[in-house]
Amino acid sequence: MARTVRDARLETRAARDRLRVGDIVHWRTLVPEQLHLGYRRRSGGTPGRWIVRRYIGQDAAGKGRYLKKTLEAVADDYQDADGMTVLSFADAQRQAYEMADRASAAPRPECDATVRDVLEAYTADRDRRESGRQGRPIRSDATQRLTRYVLGAEGRGIAAAPLAAVRLAALSEADLRRWRAGLPGTLRATTVRRLTNDLRAGLNAGYAARREELDPAVPKIVEFGLRTPPTDDEPSDSAVRDDQILSDAEVGRLIAAARDVDAEDGWEGDLLRMVLVLAATGARFSQVARLRVCDLQAEQQRLMVPASRKGNRRKEQTHSPVPIGQDVIAALLPAVAGRGPDAPLLERWRVRQVEATRWERVERGRWQSASELTRPWRRVRTRAGLPTAIPYALRHSSIVRGIRANLPIRLVAAAHDTSVGIVEKHYSRYIVSGLEAMLRAAVVPLVPPDGAGGNVVPLAPSEPRRAAR
């Protein structure tokens, strides 16, 4: 059995009580360069915690890598140790040695998978899911980003990043930081964030599929290696641009322009209905495209908008009711007449090219991708005199409209299928201005007008006192 080491700072609760409180960990070496036991003191009468740090090898730069684990039991700061839920310094050492023995007795099988291997599996799965949703073969946005900046494509002259050849078992935080530092400086912060999220998801999926062969520290390496540096969190990028917040009149101009372009290009109302529903609901394109005929509830004057597919949590509700006006209902009713309840609410014509300059209609079907709106939207925004507006501006404007109407932030978030945190982060300045308007409505005059009389009686000037004799 390993010997019990001594440490005057950690052995007794009285000695530990003199240590600094906070995130600092006070370490004691159990096995030189291999095993350490740490203690973190906590404030407010909460018992401290014991932490085991174990050496697990070197990274690509030759620096030592350690695996840290906080023991579930607390320190015996306020009650006697029982060796199970409350641990003394000696008890914590015993558990640390046992953890090290178990780790050395059960070596993991070697994992030869590289970053390329796990990302190719991840992108294939993403493509499969996107193709199933769209009903046709499609490459997901994640696949395109990871191909461009990690995996490479020889046929297109795109070189792979050095990160692609790194074995997942040998992946280090330095590898991930070097990859991030090597990205083109012209990329917008939002693009870097999406790309980083794609890479993080792919690496975590690779670890989940091979966790018996990999060190448990891999997820933490991915987390800290891809953490956004503080300098990249630009204030201008954490909020919606002002030119994407449209007034009601500007939204009306876009809808009127969509009606004109629809008539000129022979859309038969399909383009107008798409833009109108985006503006009326503030939903994402992917949600609007999945609306069915039965989701239009004309008598209740609402649309039952499908929940988004964003995030990993299971949605408690599959649809959210969104009130709409009678003008929107009147525009949608012709599209549902004589159609089954499960048919797509919004459709468009599919065309095929028969000659160099001639196309013919083939069949009608639901909108499949937001890119189908790109070309007609350019004409719509130009005609409306809003050359910088994007389709997502209709969602931004809907959220801000709810905030300016002094609706509860939780209600605004629920109506737009997002979280309170996202609304507070991206639309904070509109929330502040809305609160100021509410506070201003509570302001009352405090100074009485001149000549009002009131209850204040001016004092008459008193005569000077006579000098005492």
Protein backbone atom coordinates (compact mmCIF):
# COMPACT_ATOMS: atom_id res chain seq x y z
CA MET A 1 0.00 0.00 0.00
CA ALA A 2 1.30 3.48 -0.80
CA ARG A 3 2.51 5.45 2.14
CA THR A 4 0.52 8.38 3.51
CA VAL A 5 2.27 11.68 2.92
CA ARG A 6 2.16 14.55 5.40
CA ASP A 7 1.27 18.17 4.74
CA ALA A 8 0.84 20.67 7.55
CA ARG A 9 -1.44 22.86 5.40
CA LEU A 10 -3.95 20.12 4.57
CA GLU A 11 -3.92 17.55 7.36
CA THR A 12 -6.25 19.30 9.81
CA ARG A 13 -9.37 21.36 9.36
CA ALA A 14 -7.87 24.16 11.43
CA ALA A 15 -4.91 24.41 9.05
CA ARG A 16 -7.16 24.31 5.97
CA ASP A 17 -9.29 27.07 7.47
CA ARG A 18 -6.33 29.44 7.08
CA LEU A 19 -6.04 28.82 3.31
CA ARG A 20 -7.32 31.21 0.66
CA VAL A 21 -10.91 30.85 -0.50
CA GLY A 22 -11.81 30.68 -4.19
CA ASP A 23 -10.77 28.86 -7.33
CA ILE A 24 -7.18 28.34 -6.19
CA VAL A 25 -6.23 24.68 -5.61
CA HIS A 26 -3.63 23.79 -2.98
CA TRP A 27 -1.67 20.79 -4.30
CA ARG A 28 0.36 18.08 -2.56
CA THR A 29 2.51 15.64 -4.52
CA LEU A 30 1.75 11.98 -3.82
CA VAL A 31 3.90 10.42 -6.56
CA PRO A 32 6.45 12.80 -8.14
CA GLU A 33 5.32 13.90 -11.63
CA GLN A 34 2.59 11.26 -11.63
CA LEU A 35 -0.04 11.80 -8.95
CA HIS A 36 -1.15 14.85 -6.95
CA LEU A 37 -3.89 15.59 -4.43
CA GLY A 38 -5.41 19.06 -4.27
CA TYR A 39 -7.79 20.89 -1.97
CA ARG A 40 -10.11 23.78 -2.86
CA ARG A 41 -11.50 25.74 0.06
CA ARG A 42 -15.04 27.11 -0.25
CA SER A 43 -16.74 29.96 1.54
CA GLY A 44 -20.06 30.34 3.31
CA GLY A 45 -19.75 27.29 5.53
CA THR A 46 -19.57 24.91 2.55
CA PRO A 47 -17.11 22.02 2.93
CA GLY A 48 -14.08 22.05 0.64
CA ARG A 49 -13.41 19.47 -2.06
CA TRP A 50 -10.53 17.09 -2.79
CA ILE A 51 -9.16 16.95 -6.34
CA VAL A 52 -6.98 14.22 -7.87
CA ARG A 53 -4.57 15.10 -10.70
CA ARG A 54 -3.04 12.20 -12.63
CA TYR A 55 -0.38 12.30 -15.37
CA ILE A 56 -1.62 10.77 -18.66
CA GLY A 57 1.18 11.53 -21.15
CA GLN A 58 2.55 14.28 -23.35
CA ASP A 59 0.94 16.36 -26.05
CA ALA A 60 2.38 17.05 -29.51
CA ALA A 61 4.49 19.90 -28.11
CA GLY A 62 6.06 17.65 -25.47
CA LYS A 63 4.18 19.19 -22.54
CA GLY A 64 2.72 16.98 -19.85
CA ARG A 65 -1.01 16.30 -19.88
CA TYR A 66 -2.93 15.66 -16.68
CA LEU A 67 -6.41 14.36 -15.94
CA LYS A 68 -8.19 16.08 -13.05
CA LYS A 69 -11.13 14.65 -11.14
CA THR A 70 -12.99 16.16 -8.18
CA LEU A 71 -13.93 13.49 -5.65
CA GLU A 72 -17.63 13.18 -4.94
CA ALA A 73 -17.18 13.18 -1.15
CA VAL A 74 -16.53 16.45 0.69
CA ALA A 75 -13.64 17.32 2.99
CA ASP A 76 -14.01 16.92 6.75
CA ASP A 77 -14.09 20.69 7.32
CA TYR A 78 -17.23 20.76 9.46
CA GLN A 79 -17.94 17.13 10.37
CA ASP A 80 -15.96 14.04 11.21
CA ALA A 81 -14.71 11.88 8.37
CA ASP A 82 -16.45 8.58 7.67
CA GLY A 83 -14.25 7.44 4.75
CA MET A 84 -17.17 7.51 2.32
CA THR A 85 -19.11 10.78 2.06
CA VAL A 86 -16.76 12.83 4.21
CA LEU A 87 -13.04 12.39 3.64
CA SER A 88 -10.03 13.32 5.69
CA PHE A 89 -6.67 14.13 4.08
CA ALA A 90 -5.61 10.49 4.54
CA ASP A 91 -8.93 9.19 3.10
CA ALA A 92 -8.55 11.40 0.03
CA GLN A 93 -5.02 10.07 -0.51
CA ARG A 94 -6.29 6.50 -0.33
CA GLN A 95 -8.91 7.18 -3.03
CA ALA A 96 -6.32 8.93 -5.19
CA TYR A 97 -4.01 5.90 -5.06
CA GLU A 98 -6.94 3.58 -5.85
CA MET A 99 -7.87 5.64 -8.91
CA ALA A 100 -4.28 5.53 -10.15
CA ASP A 101 -4.09 1.76 -9.60
CA ARG A 102 -7.30 1.15 -11.55
CA ALA A 103 -6.09 3.32 -14.42
CA SER A 104 -2.77 1.50 -14.70
CA ALA A 105 -4.35 -1.95 -14.36
CA ALA A 106 -6.78 -1.47 -17.23
CA PRO A 107 -4.98 0.01 -20.24
CA ARG A 108 -7.23 1.25 -23.00
CA PRO A 109 -7.04 -0.22 -26.51
CA GLU A 110 -5.15 1.96 -28.94
CA CYS A 111 -7.32 4.36 -30.97
CA ASP A 112 -5.89 5.14 -34.40
CA ALA A 113 -8.77 7.36 -35.57
CA THR A 114 -7.67 10.78 -36.80
CA VAL A 115 -9.53 14.05 -36.77
CA ARG A 116 -10.24 13.46 -40.46
CA ASP A 117 -11.83 10.08 -39.71
CA VAL A 118 -14.23 11.40 -37.09
CA LEU A 119 -15.13 14.53 -39.07
CA GLU A 120 -15.85 12.55 -42.23
CA ALA A 121 -18.18 10.30 -40.25
CA TYR A 122 -19.82 13.34 -38.67
CA THR A 123 -20.34 15.20 -41.96
CA ALA A 124 -21.72 12.06 -43.61
CA ASP A 125 -24.28 11.80 -40.83
CA ARG A 126 -25.17 15.49 -41.14
CA ASP A 127 -25.61 15.15 -44.91
CA ARG A 128 -27.82 12.11 -44.41
CA ARG A 129 -30.06 13.94 -41.97
CA GLU A 130 -30.30 17.08 -44.14
CA SER A 131 -31.06 14.99 -47.23
CA GLY A 132 -33.83 13.22 -45.34
CA ARG A 133 -35.36 16.54 -44.32
CA GLN A 134 -35.14 18.04 -47.80
CA GLY A 135 -36.13 14.91 -49.70
CA ARG A 136 -33.12 15.12 -52.02
CA PRO A 137 -29.31 14.66 -51.78
CA ILE A 138 -27.78 17.70 -50.13
CA ARG A 139 -24.53 18.77 -48.48
CA SER A 140 -25.08 20.39 -45.11
CA ASP A 141 -23.61 23.77 -44.20
CA ALA A 142 -21.41 22.02 -41.62
CA THR A 143 -19.95 19.76 -44.32
CA GLN A 144 -19.13 22.71 -46.55
CA ARG A 145 -17.44 24.64 -43.74
CA LEU A 146 -15.41 21.69 -42.42
CA THR A 147 -14.37 20.73 -45.95
CA ARG A 148 -13.17 24.24 -46.66
CA TYR A 149 -11.22 24.83 -43.45
CA VAL A 150 -10.28 21.40 -42.05
CA LEU A 151 -10.69 18.41 -44.38
CA GLY A 152 -9.76 20.01 -47.69
CA ALA A 153 -10.79 18.93 -51.20
CA GLU A 154 -8.07 17.93 -53.68
CA GLY A 155 -10.34 18.19 -56.68
CA ARG A 156 -11.15 21.80 -55.83
CA GLY A 157 -7.61 22.78 -54.91
CA ILE A 158 -8.35 23.14 -51.19
CA ALA A 159 -5.54 21.90 -48.93
CA ALA A 160 -6.36 20.09 -45.71
CA ALA A 161 -5.41 21.70 -42.42
CA PRO A 162 -2.59 19.97 -40.42
CA LEU A 163 -5.21 19.30 -37.75
CA ALA A 164 -6.90 16.73 -39.99
CA ALA A 165 -3.96 14.30 -39.66
CA VAL A 166 -3.77 14.45 -35.84
CA ARG A 167 -4.81 11.28 -34.01
CA LEU A 168 -7.77 11.85 -31.72
CA ALA A 169 -5.93 10.06 -28.90
CA ALA A 170 -3.04 12.53 -29.19
CA LEU A 171 -5.14 15.66 -29.70
CA SER A 172 -4.06 18.60 -27.54
CA GLU A 173 -5.35 22.06 -26.80
CA ALA A 174 -2.32 23.45 -28.63
CA ASP A 175 -3.37 21.62 -31.82
CA LEU A 176 -6.79 23.25 -31.70
CA ARG A 177 -5.42 26.70 -30.90
CA ARG A 178 -2.95 26.49 -33.81
CA TRP A 179 -5.79 25.55 -36.14
CA ARG A 180 -7.87 28.48 -34.98
CA ALA A 181 -4.94 30.88 -35.26
CA GLY A 182 -4.36 29.69 -38.85
CA LEU A 183 -7.85 30.64 -40.06
CA PRO A 184 -7.99 33.50 -42.59
CA GLY A 185 -8.17 36.86 -40.89
CA THR A 186 -10.89 37.93 -43.31
CA LEU A 187 -13.46 35.54 -41.80
CA ARG A 188 -16.24 37.21 -39.87
CA ALA A 189 -16.55 36.39 -36.19
CA THR A 190 -19.93 34.73 -36.82
CA THR A 191 -18.38 32.45 -39.46
CA VAL A 192 -15.56 31.47 -37.12
CA ARG A 193 -18.08 30.74 -34.40
CA ARG A 194 -20.18 28.49 -36.64
CA LEU A 195 -17.08 26.70 -37.92
CA THR A 196 -15.78 26.19 -34.39
CA ASN A 197 -19.13 24.81 -33.28
CA ASP A 198 -19.10 22.37 -36.21
CA LEU A 199 -15.61 21.17 -35.32
CA ARG A 200 -16.51 20.83 -31.64
CA ALA A 201 -19.62 18.80 -32.46
CA GLY A 202 -17.68 16.52 -34.83
CA LEU A 203 -14.89 15.84 -32.30
CA ASN A 204 -17.35 15.19 -29.49
CA ALA A 205 -19.28 12.79 -31.71
CA GLY A 206 -16.03 10.98 -32.50
CA TYR A 207 -15.21 10.70 -28.79
CA ALA A 208 -18.71 9.41 -27.99
CA ALA A 209 -18.30 6.65 -30.57
CA ARG A 210 -14.86 5.63 -29.22
CA ARG A 211 -14.97 6.59 -25.55
CA GLU A 212 -13.76 3.16 -24.41
CA GLU A 213 -10.56 3.66 -26.42
CA LEU A 214 -9.93 7.30 -25.52
CA ASP A 215 -8.92 9.20 -22.43
CA PRO A 216 -11.83 10.86 -20.58
CA ALA A 217 -9.94 14.15 -20.83
CA VAL A 218 -10.62 14.46 -24.59
CA PRO A 219 -13.92 16.41 -24.19
CA LYS A 220 -12.20 18.90 -21.89
CA ILE A 221 -9.33 19.28 -24.35
CA VAL A 222 -11.87 20.05 -27.07
CA GLU A 223 -13.77 22.45 -24.83
CA PHE A 224 -10.78 24.51 -23.74
CA GLY A 225 -8.88 24.24 -27.03
CA LEU A 226 -11.78 25.72 -28.99
CA ARG A 227 -12.81 28.29 -26.41
CA THR A 228 -13.31 31.71 -28.01
CA PRO A 229 -10.59 34.18 -27.01
CA PRO A 230 -12.01 37.27 -25.27
CA THR A 231 -10.68 39.51 -28.05
CA ASP A 232 -12.89 37.74 -30.60
CA ASP A 233 -16.10 38.56 -28.74
CA GLU A 234 -16.70 41.87 -30.49
CA PRO A 235 -19.60 43.93 -29.13
CA SER A 236 -20.76 44.64 -32.69
CA ASP A 237 -21.04 40.93 -33.36
CA SER A 238 -23.04 40.05 -30.26
CA ALA A 239 -25.96 42.25 -31.28
CA VAL A 240 -28.18 42.55 -34.33
CA ARG A 241 -27.18 45.26 -36.82
CA ASP A 242 -29.45 48.31 -36.78
CA ASP A 243 -30.09 48.09 -40.53
CA GLN A 244 -31.76 44.70 -40.01
CA ILE A 245 -34.36 46.06 -37.60
CA LEU A 246 -37.16 47.23 -39.86
CA SER A 247 -40.08 49.48 -39.00
CA ASP A 248 -43.63 48.34 -39.70
CA ALA A 249 -43.68 50.65 -42.72
CA GLU A 250 -40.48 49.10 -44.11
CA VAL A 251 -41.86 45.58 -43.61
CA GLY A 252 -44.95 46.72 -45.50
CA ARG A 253 -42.77 47.98 -48.36
CA LEU A 254 -41.05 44.59 -48.60
CA ILE A 255 -44.40 42.80 -48.71
CA ALA A 256 -45.71 45.18 -51.38
CA ALA A 257 -42.53 44.67 -53.40
CA ALA A 258 -42.89 40.88 -53.02
CA ARG A 259 -46.43 41.16 -54.39
CA ASP A 260 -45.19 43.07 -57.44
CA VAL A 261 -42.28 40.70 -58.14
CA ASP A 262 -44.62 37.75 -57.64
CA ALA A 263 -47.00 39.07 -60.31
CA GLU A 264 -44.27 40.05 -62.76
CA ASP A 265 -42.38 36.74 -62.60
CA GLY A 266 -45.44 34.47 -62.56
CA TRP A 267 -45.06 33.07 -59.04
CA GLU A 268 -48.86 32.77 -58.74
CA GLY A 269 -48.79 34.01 -55.15
CA ASP A 270 -46.13 31.57 -53.89
CA LEU A 271 -43.45 34.22 -53.33
CA LEU A 272 -45.83 36.67 -51.68
CA ARG A 273 -47.15 34.04 -49.27
CA MET A 274 -43.64 32.99 -48.24
CA VAL A 275 -42.52 36.56 -47.48
CA LEU A 276 -45.83 37.34 -45.76
CA VAL A 277 -45.63 34.34 -43.42
CA LEU A 278 -41.98 35.07 -42.57
CA ALA A 279 -42.96 38.61 -41.62
CA ALA A 280 -46.12 37.65 -39.73
CA THR A 281 -44.60 34.89 -37.60
CA GLY A 282 -40.94 35.90 -37.21
CA ALA A 283 -40.13 32.20 -37.66
CA ARG A 284 -37.07 30.77 -39.37
CA PHE A 285 -37.30 29.71 -43.01
CA SER A 286 -36.87 26.04 -42.05
CA GLN A 287 -39.90 26.27 -39.75
CA VAL A 288 -42.11 28.08 -42.26
CA ALA A 289 -41.20 25.59 -45.00
CA ARG A 290 -42.54 22.74 -42.80
CA LEU A 291 -45.95 24.33 -42.23
CA ARG A 292 -48.87 22.14 -43.31
CA VAL A 293 -52.38 23.03 -44.39
CA CYS A 294 -53.76 21.93 -41.01
CA ASP A 295 -51.40 24.36 -39.25
CA LEU A 296 -53.47 27.27 -40.53
CA GLN A 297 -56.29 27.68 -38.00
CA ALA A 298 -58.33 30.46 -39.57
CA GLU A 299 -61.09 30.51 -36.96
CA GLN A 300 -58.57 30.99 -34.17
CA GLN A 301 -56.59 33.45 -36.33
CA ARG A 302 -53.28 31.70 -35.77
CA LEU A 303 -50.61 29.53 -37.35
CA MET A 304 -49.23 26.50 -35.50
CA VAL A 305 -45.54 26.94 -36.29
CA PRO A 306 -43.40 23.76 -36.08
CA ALA A 307 -40.61 23.77 -33.50
CA SER A 308 -37.12 24.32 -34.85
CA ARG A 309 -34.57 21.54 -35.07
CA LYS A 310 -31.89 23.66 -33.40
CA GLY A 311 -30.20 22.37 -30.23
CA ASN A 312 -29.84 18.90 -28.74
CA ARG A 313 -32.65 19.02 -26.22
CA ARG A 314 -35.91 17.28 -26.96
CA LYS A 315 -38.64 19.80 -27.67
CA GLU A 316 -41.50 19.70 -25.19
CA GLN A 317 -43.87 21.17 -27.81
CA THR A 318 -43.90 20.23 -31.48
CA HIS A 319 -45.74 23.42 -32.50
CA SER A 320 -46.18 26.92 -31.13
CA PRO A 321 -49.34 29.00 -31.73
CA VAL A 322 -48.58 32.36 -33.37
CA PRO A 323 -51.45 34.85 -33.79
CA ILE A 324 -51.79 36.37 -37.28
CA GLY A 325 -53.97 39.07 -38.73
CA GLN A 326 -57.01 38.69 -40.91
CA ASP A 327 -55.06 40.11 -43.87
CA VAL A 328 -52.55 37.24 -43.63
CA ILE A 329 -55.35 34.68 -43.36
CA ALA A 330 -57.06 36.13 -46.45
CA ALA A 331 -53.81 35.74 -48.41
CA LEU A 332 -53.35 32.12 -47.29
CA LEU A 333 -56.89 30.79 -47.73
CA PRO A 334 -56.68 30.45 -51.55
CA ALA A 335 -53.58 28.23 -51.08
CA VAL A 336 -55.41 25.70 -48.87
CA ALA A 337 -58.68 25.38 -50.77
CA GLY A 338 -59.35 21.76 -51.71
CA ARG A 339 -56.05 20.44 -50.32
CA GLY A 340 -55.44 17.76 -47.72
CA PRO A 341 -54.52 18.66 -44.12
CA ASP A 342 -51.03 17.14 -44.37
CA ALA A 343 -50.12 18.90 -47.62
CA PRO A 344 -47.45 21.64 -47.40
CA LEU A 345 -49.02 25.02 -46.71
CA LEU A 346 -46.50 26.89 -48.85
CA GLU A 347 -45.46 25.50 -52.23
CA ARG A 348 -43.68 26.63 -55.38
CA TRP A 349 -43.26 25.36 -58.92
CA ARG A 350 -40.34 23.10 -59.81
CA VAL A 351 -38.89 23.84 -63.24
CA ARG A 352 -36.43 22.21 -65.59
CA GLN A 353 -34.35 23.62 -68.39
CA VAL A 354 -35.42 22.42 -71.84
CA GLU A 355 -33.39 24.87 -73.96
CA ALA A 356 -30.57 27.33 -73.39
CA THR A 357 -32.99 30.11 -72.47
CA ARG A 358 -36.25 28.25 -71.87
CA TRP A 359 -37.53 26.53 -68.76
CA GLU A 360 -40.74 24.64 -68.20
CA ARG A 361 -42.72 23.81 -65.07
CA VAL A 362 -42.66 20.22 -63.90
CA GLU A 363 -44.55 19.94 -60.61
CA ARG A 364 -45.40 21.82 -57.45
CA GLY A 365 -43.74 21.04 -54.12
CA ARG A 366 -42.79 22.61 -50.83
CA TRP A 367 -39.92 25.05 -50.46
CA GLN A 368 -36.78 23.06 -49.71
CA SER A 369 -33.94 25.48 -49.01
CA ALA A 370 -33.52 29.11 -48.03
CA SER A 371 -31.29 29.50 -51.10
CA GLU A 372 -34.44 29.26 -53.26
CA LEU A 373 -35.41 32.66 -51.89
CA THR A 374 -32.07 34.33 -52.63
CA ARG A 375 -32.62 35.45 -56.23
CA PRO A 376 -36.21 36.75 -55.93
CA TRP A 377 -35.35 38.41 -52.60
CA ARG A 378 -32.72 40.57 -54.31
CA ARG A 379 -35.40 41.97 -56.60
CA VAL A 380 -37.81 42.42 -53.67
CA ARG A 381 -35.43 44.41 -51.49
CA THR A 382 -34.21 46.53 -54.40
CA ARG A 383 -37.75 47.47 -55.34
CA ALA A 384 -38.56 48.20 -51.69
CA GLY A 385 -35.57 50.53 -51.42
CA LEU A 386 -33.92 48.44 -48.70
CA PRO A 387 -30.77 47.13 -50.43
CA THR A 388 -29.15 45.71 -47.26
CA ALA A 389 -32.19 43.89 -45.87
CA ILE A 390 -31.96 40.10 -45.61
CA PRO A 391 -34.86 37.66 -45.15
CA TYR A 392 -33.76 37.09 -41.53
CA ALA A 393 -34.43 40.81 -40.91
CA LEU A 394 -38.13 39.89 -40.80
CA ARG A 395 -37.40 37.67 -37.78
CA HIS A 396 -35.22 40.30 -36.09
CA SER A 397 -37.92 42.90 -36.61
CA SER A 398 -40.64 40.65 -35.22
CA ILE A 399 -38.66 40.03 -32.03
CA VAL A 400 -37.93 43.74 -31.54
CA ARG A 401 -41.59 44.56 -32.23
CA GLY A 402 -42.58 42.34 -29.31
CA ILE A 403 -39.94 43.91 -27.07
CA ARG A 404 -41.07 47.43 -27.94
CA ALA A 405 -44.66 46.42 -27.16
CA ASN A 406 -43.40 45.70 -23.61
CA LEU A 407 -44.26 42.02 -23.84
CA PRO A 408 -42.48 39.83 -21.24
CA ILE A 409 -39.13 38.67 -22.60
CA ARG A 410 -40.06 35.06 -21.84
CA LEU A 411 -43.17 35.42 -24.01
CA VAL A 412 -41.18 37.00 -26.85
CA ALA A 413 -38.65 34.16 -26.69
CA ALA A 414 -41.33 31.44 -26.62
CA ALA A 415 -43.22 32.98 -29.54
CA HIS A 416 -40.05 32.91 -31.63
CA ASP A 417 -38.85 29.46 -30.49
CA THR A 418 -35.67 30.71 -28.86
CA SER A 419 -34.34 31.22 -25.35
CA VAL A 420 -34.50 34.18 -23.01
CA GLY A 421 -30.69 34.21 -22.94
CA ILE A 422 -30.45 34.58 -26.72
CA VAL A 423 -32.98 37.43 -26.74
CA GLU A 424 -31.17 39.21 -23.91
CA LYS A 425 -27.79 38.78 -25.61
CA HIS A 426 -28.67 39.90 -29.13
CA TYR A 427 -31.43 42.43 -28.45
CA SER A 428 -30.30 43.88 -25.11
CA ARG A 429 -30.30 47.52 -26.21
CA TYR A 430 -33.94 47.27 -27.32
CA ILE A 431 -34.87 45.73 -23.98
CA VAL A 432 -33.19 48.62 -22.16
CA SER A 433 -34.97 51.22 -24.28
CA GLY A 434 -38.28 49.43 -23.68
CA LEU A 435 -37.72 49.45 -19.93
CA GLU A 436 -36.89 53.15 -20.06
CA ALA A 437 -40.19 53.83 -21.83
CA MET A 438 -42.08 51.92 -19.14
CA LEU A 439 -40.28 53.82 -16.39
CA ARG A 440 -40.91 57.13 -18.14
CA ALA A 441 -44.65 56.43 -18.13
CA ALA A 442 -44.47 56.28 -14.34
CA VAL A 443 -42.86 59.73 -14.03
CA VAL A 444 -45.17 62.30 -12.37
CA PRO A 445 -44.68 66.04 -11.77
CA LEU A 446 -43.13 66.67 -8.40
CA VAL A 447 -42.70 70.46 -8.29
CA PRO A 448 -46.00 72.35 -7.72
CA PRO A 449 -46.69 75.15 -10.22
CA ASP A 450 -46.23 78.81 -9.22
CA GLY A 451 -49.30 80.39 -7.62
CA ALA A 452 -50.88 77.06 -6.79
CA GLY A 453 -51.01 77.95 -3.13
CA GLY A 454 -50.39 74.53 -1.74
CA ASN A 455 -49.75 73.90 1.91
CA VAL A 456 -46.47 75.79 2.14
CA VAL A 457 -46.91 79.13 3.99
CA PRO A 458 -44.00 81.59 3.71
CA LEU A 459 -42.69 82.85 7.02
CA ALA A 460 -43.01 86.56 7.80
CA PRO A 461 -39.72 88.32 8.49
CA SER A 462 -39.13 88.54 12.23
CA GLU A 463 -38.12 91.68 14.07
CA PRO A 464 -34.49 91.87 15.22
CA ARG A 465 -34.04 90.93 18.80
CA ARG A 466 -33.12 93.60 21.29
CA ALA A 467 -29.74 93.31 22.85
CA ALA A 468 -29.87 91.85 26.30
CA ARG A 469 -29.09 94.24 29.05
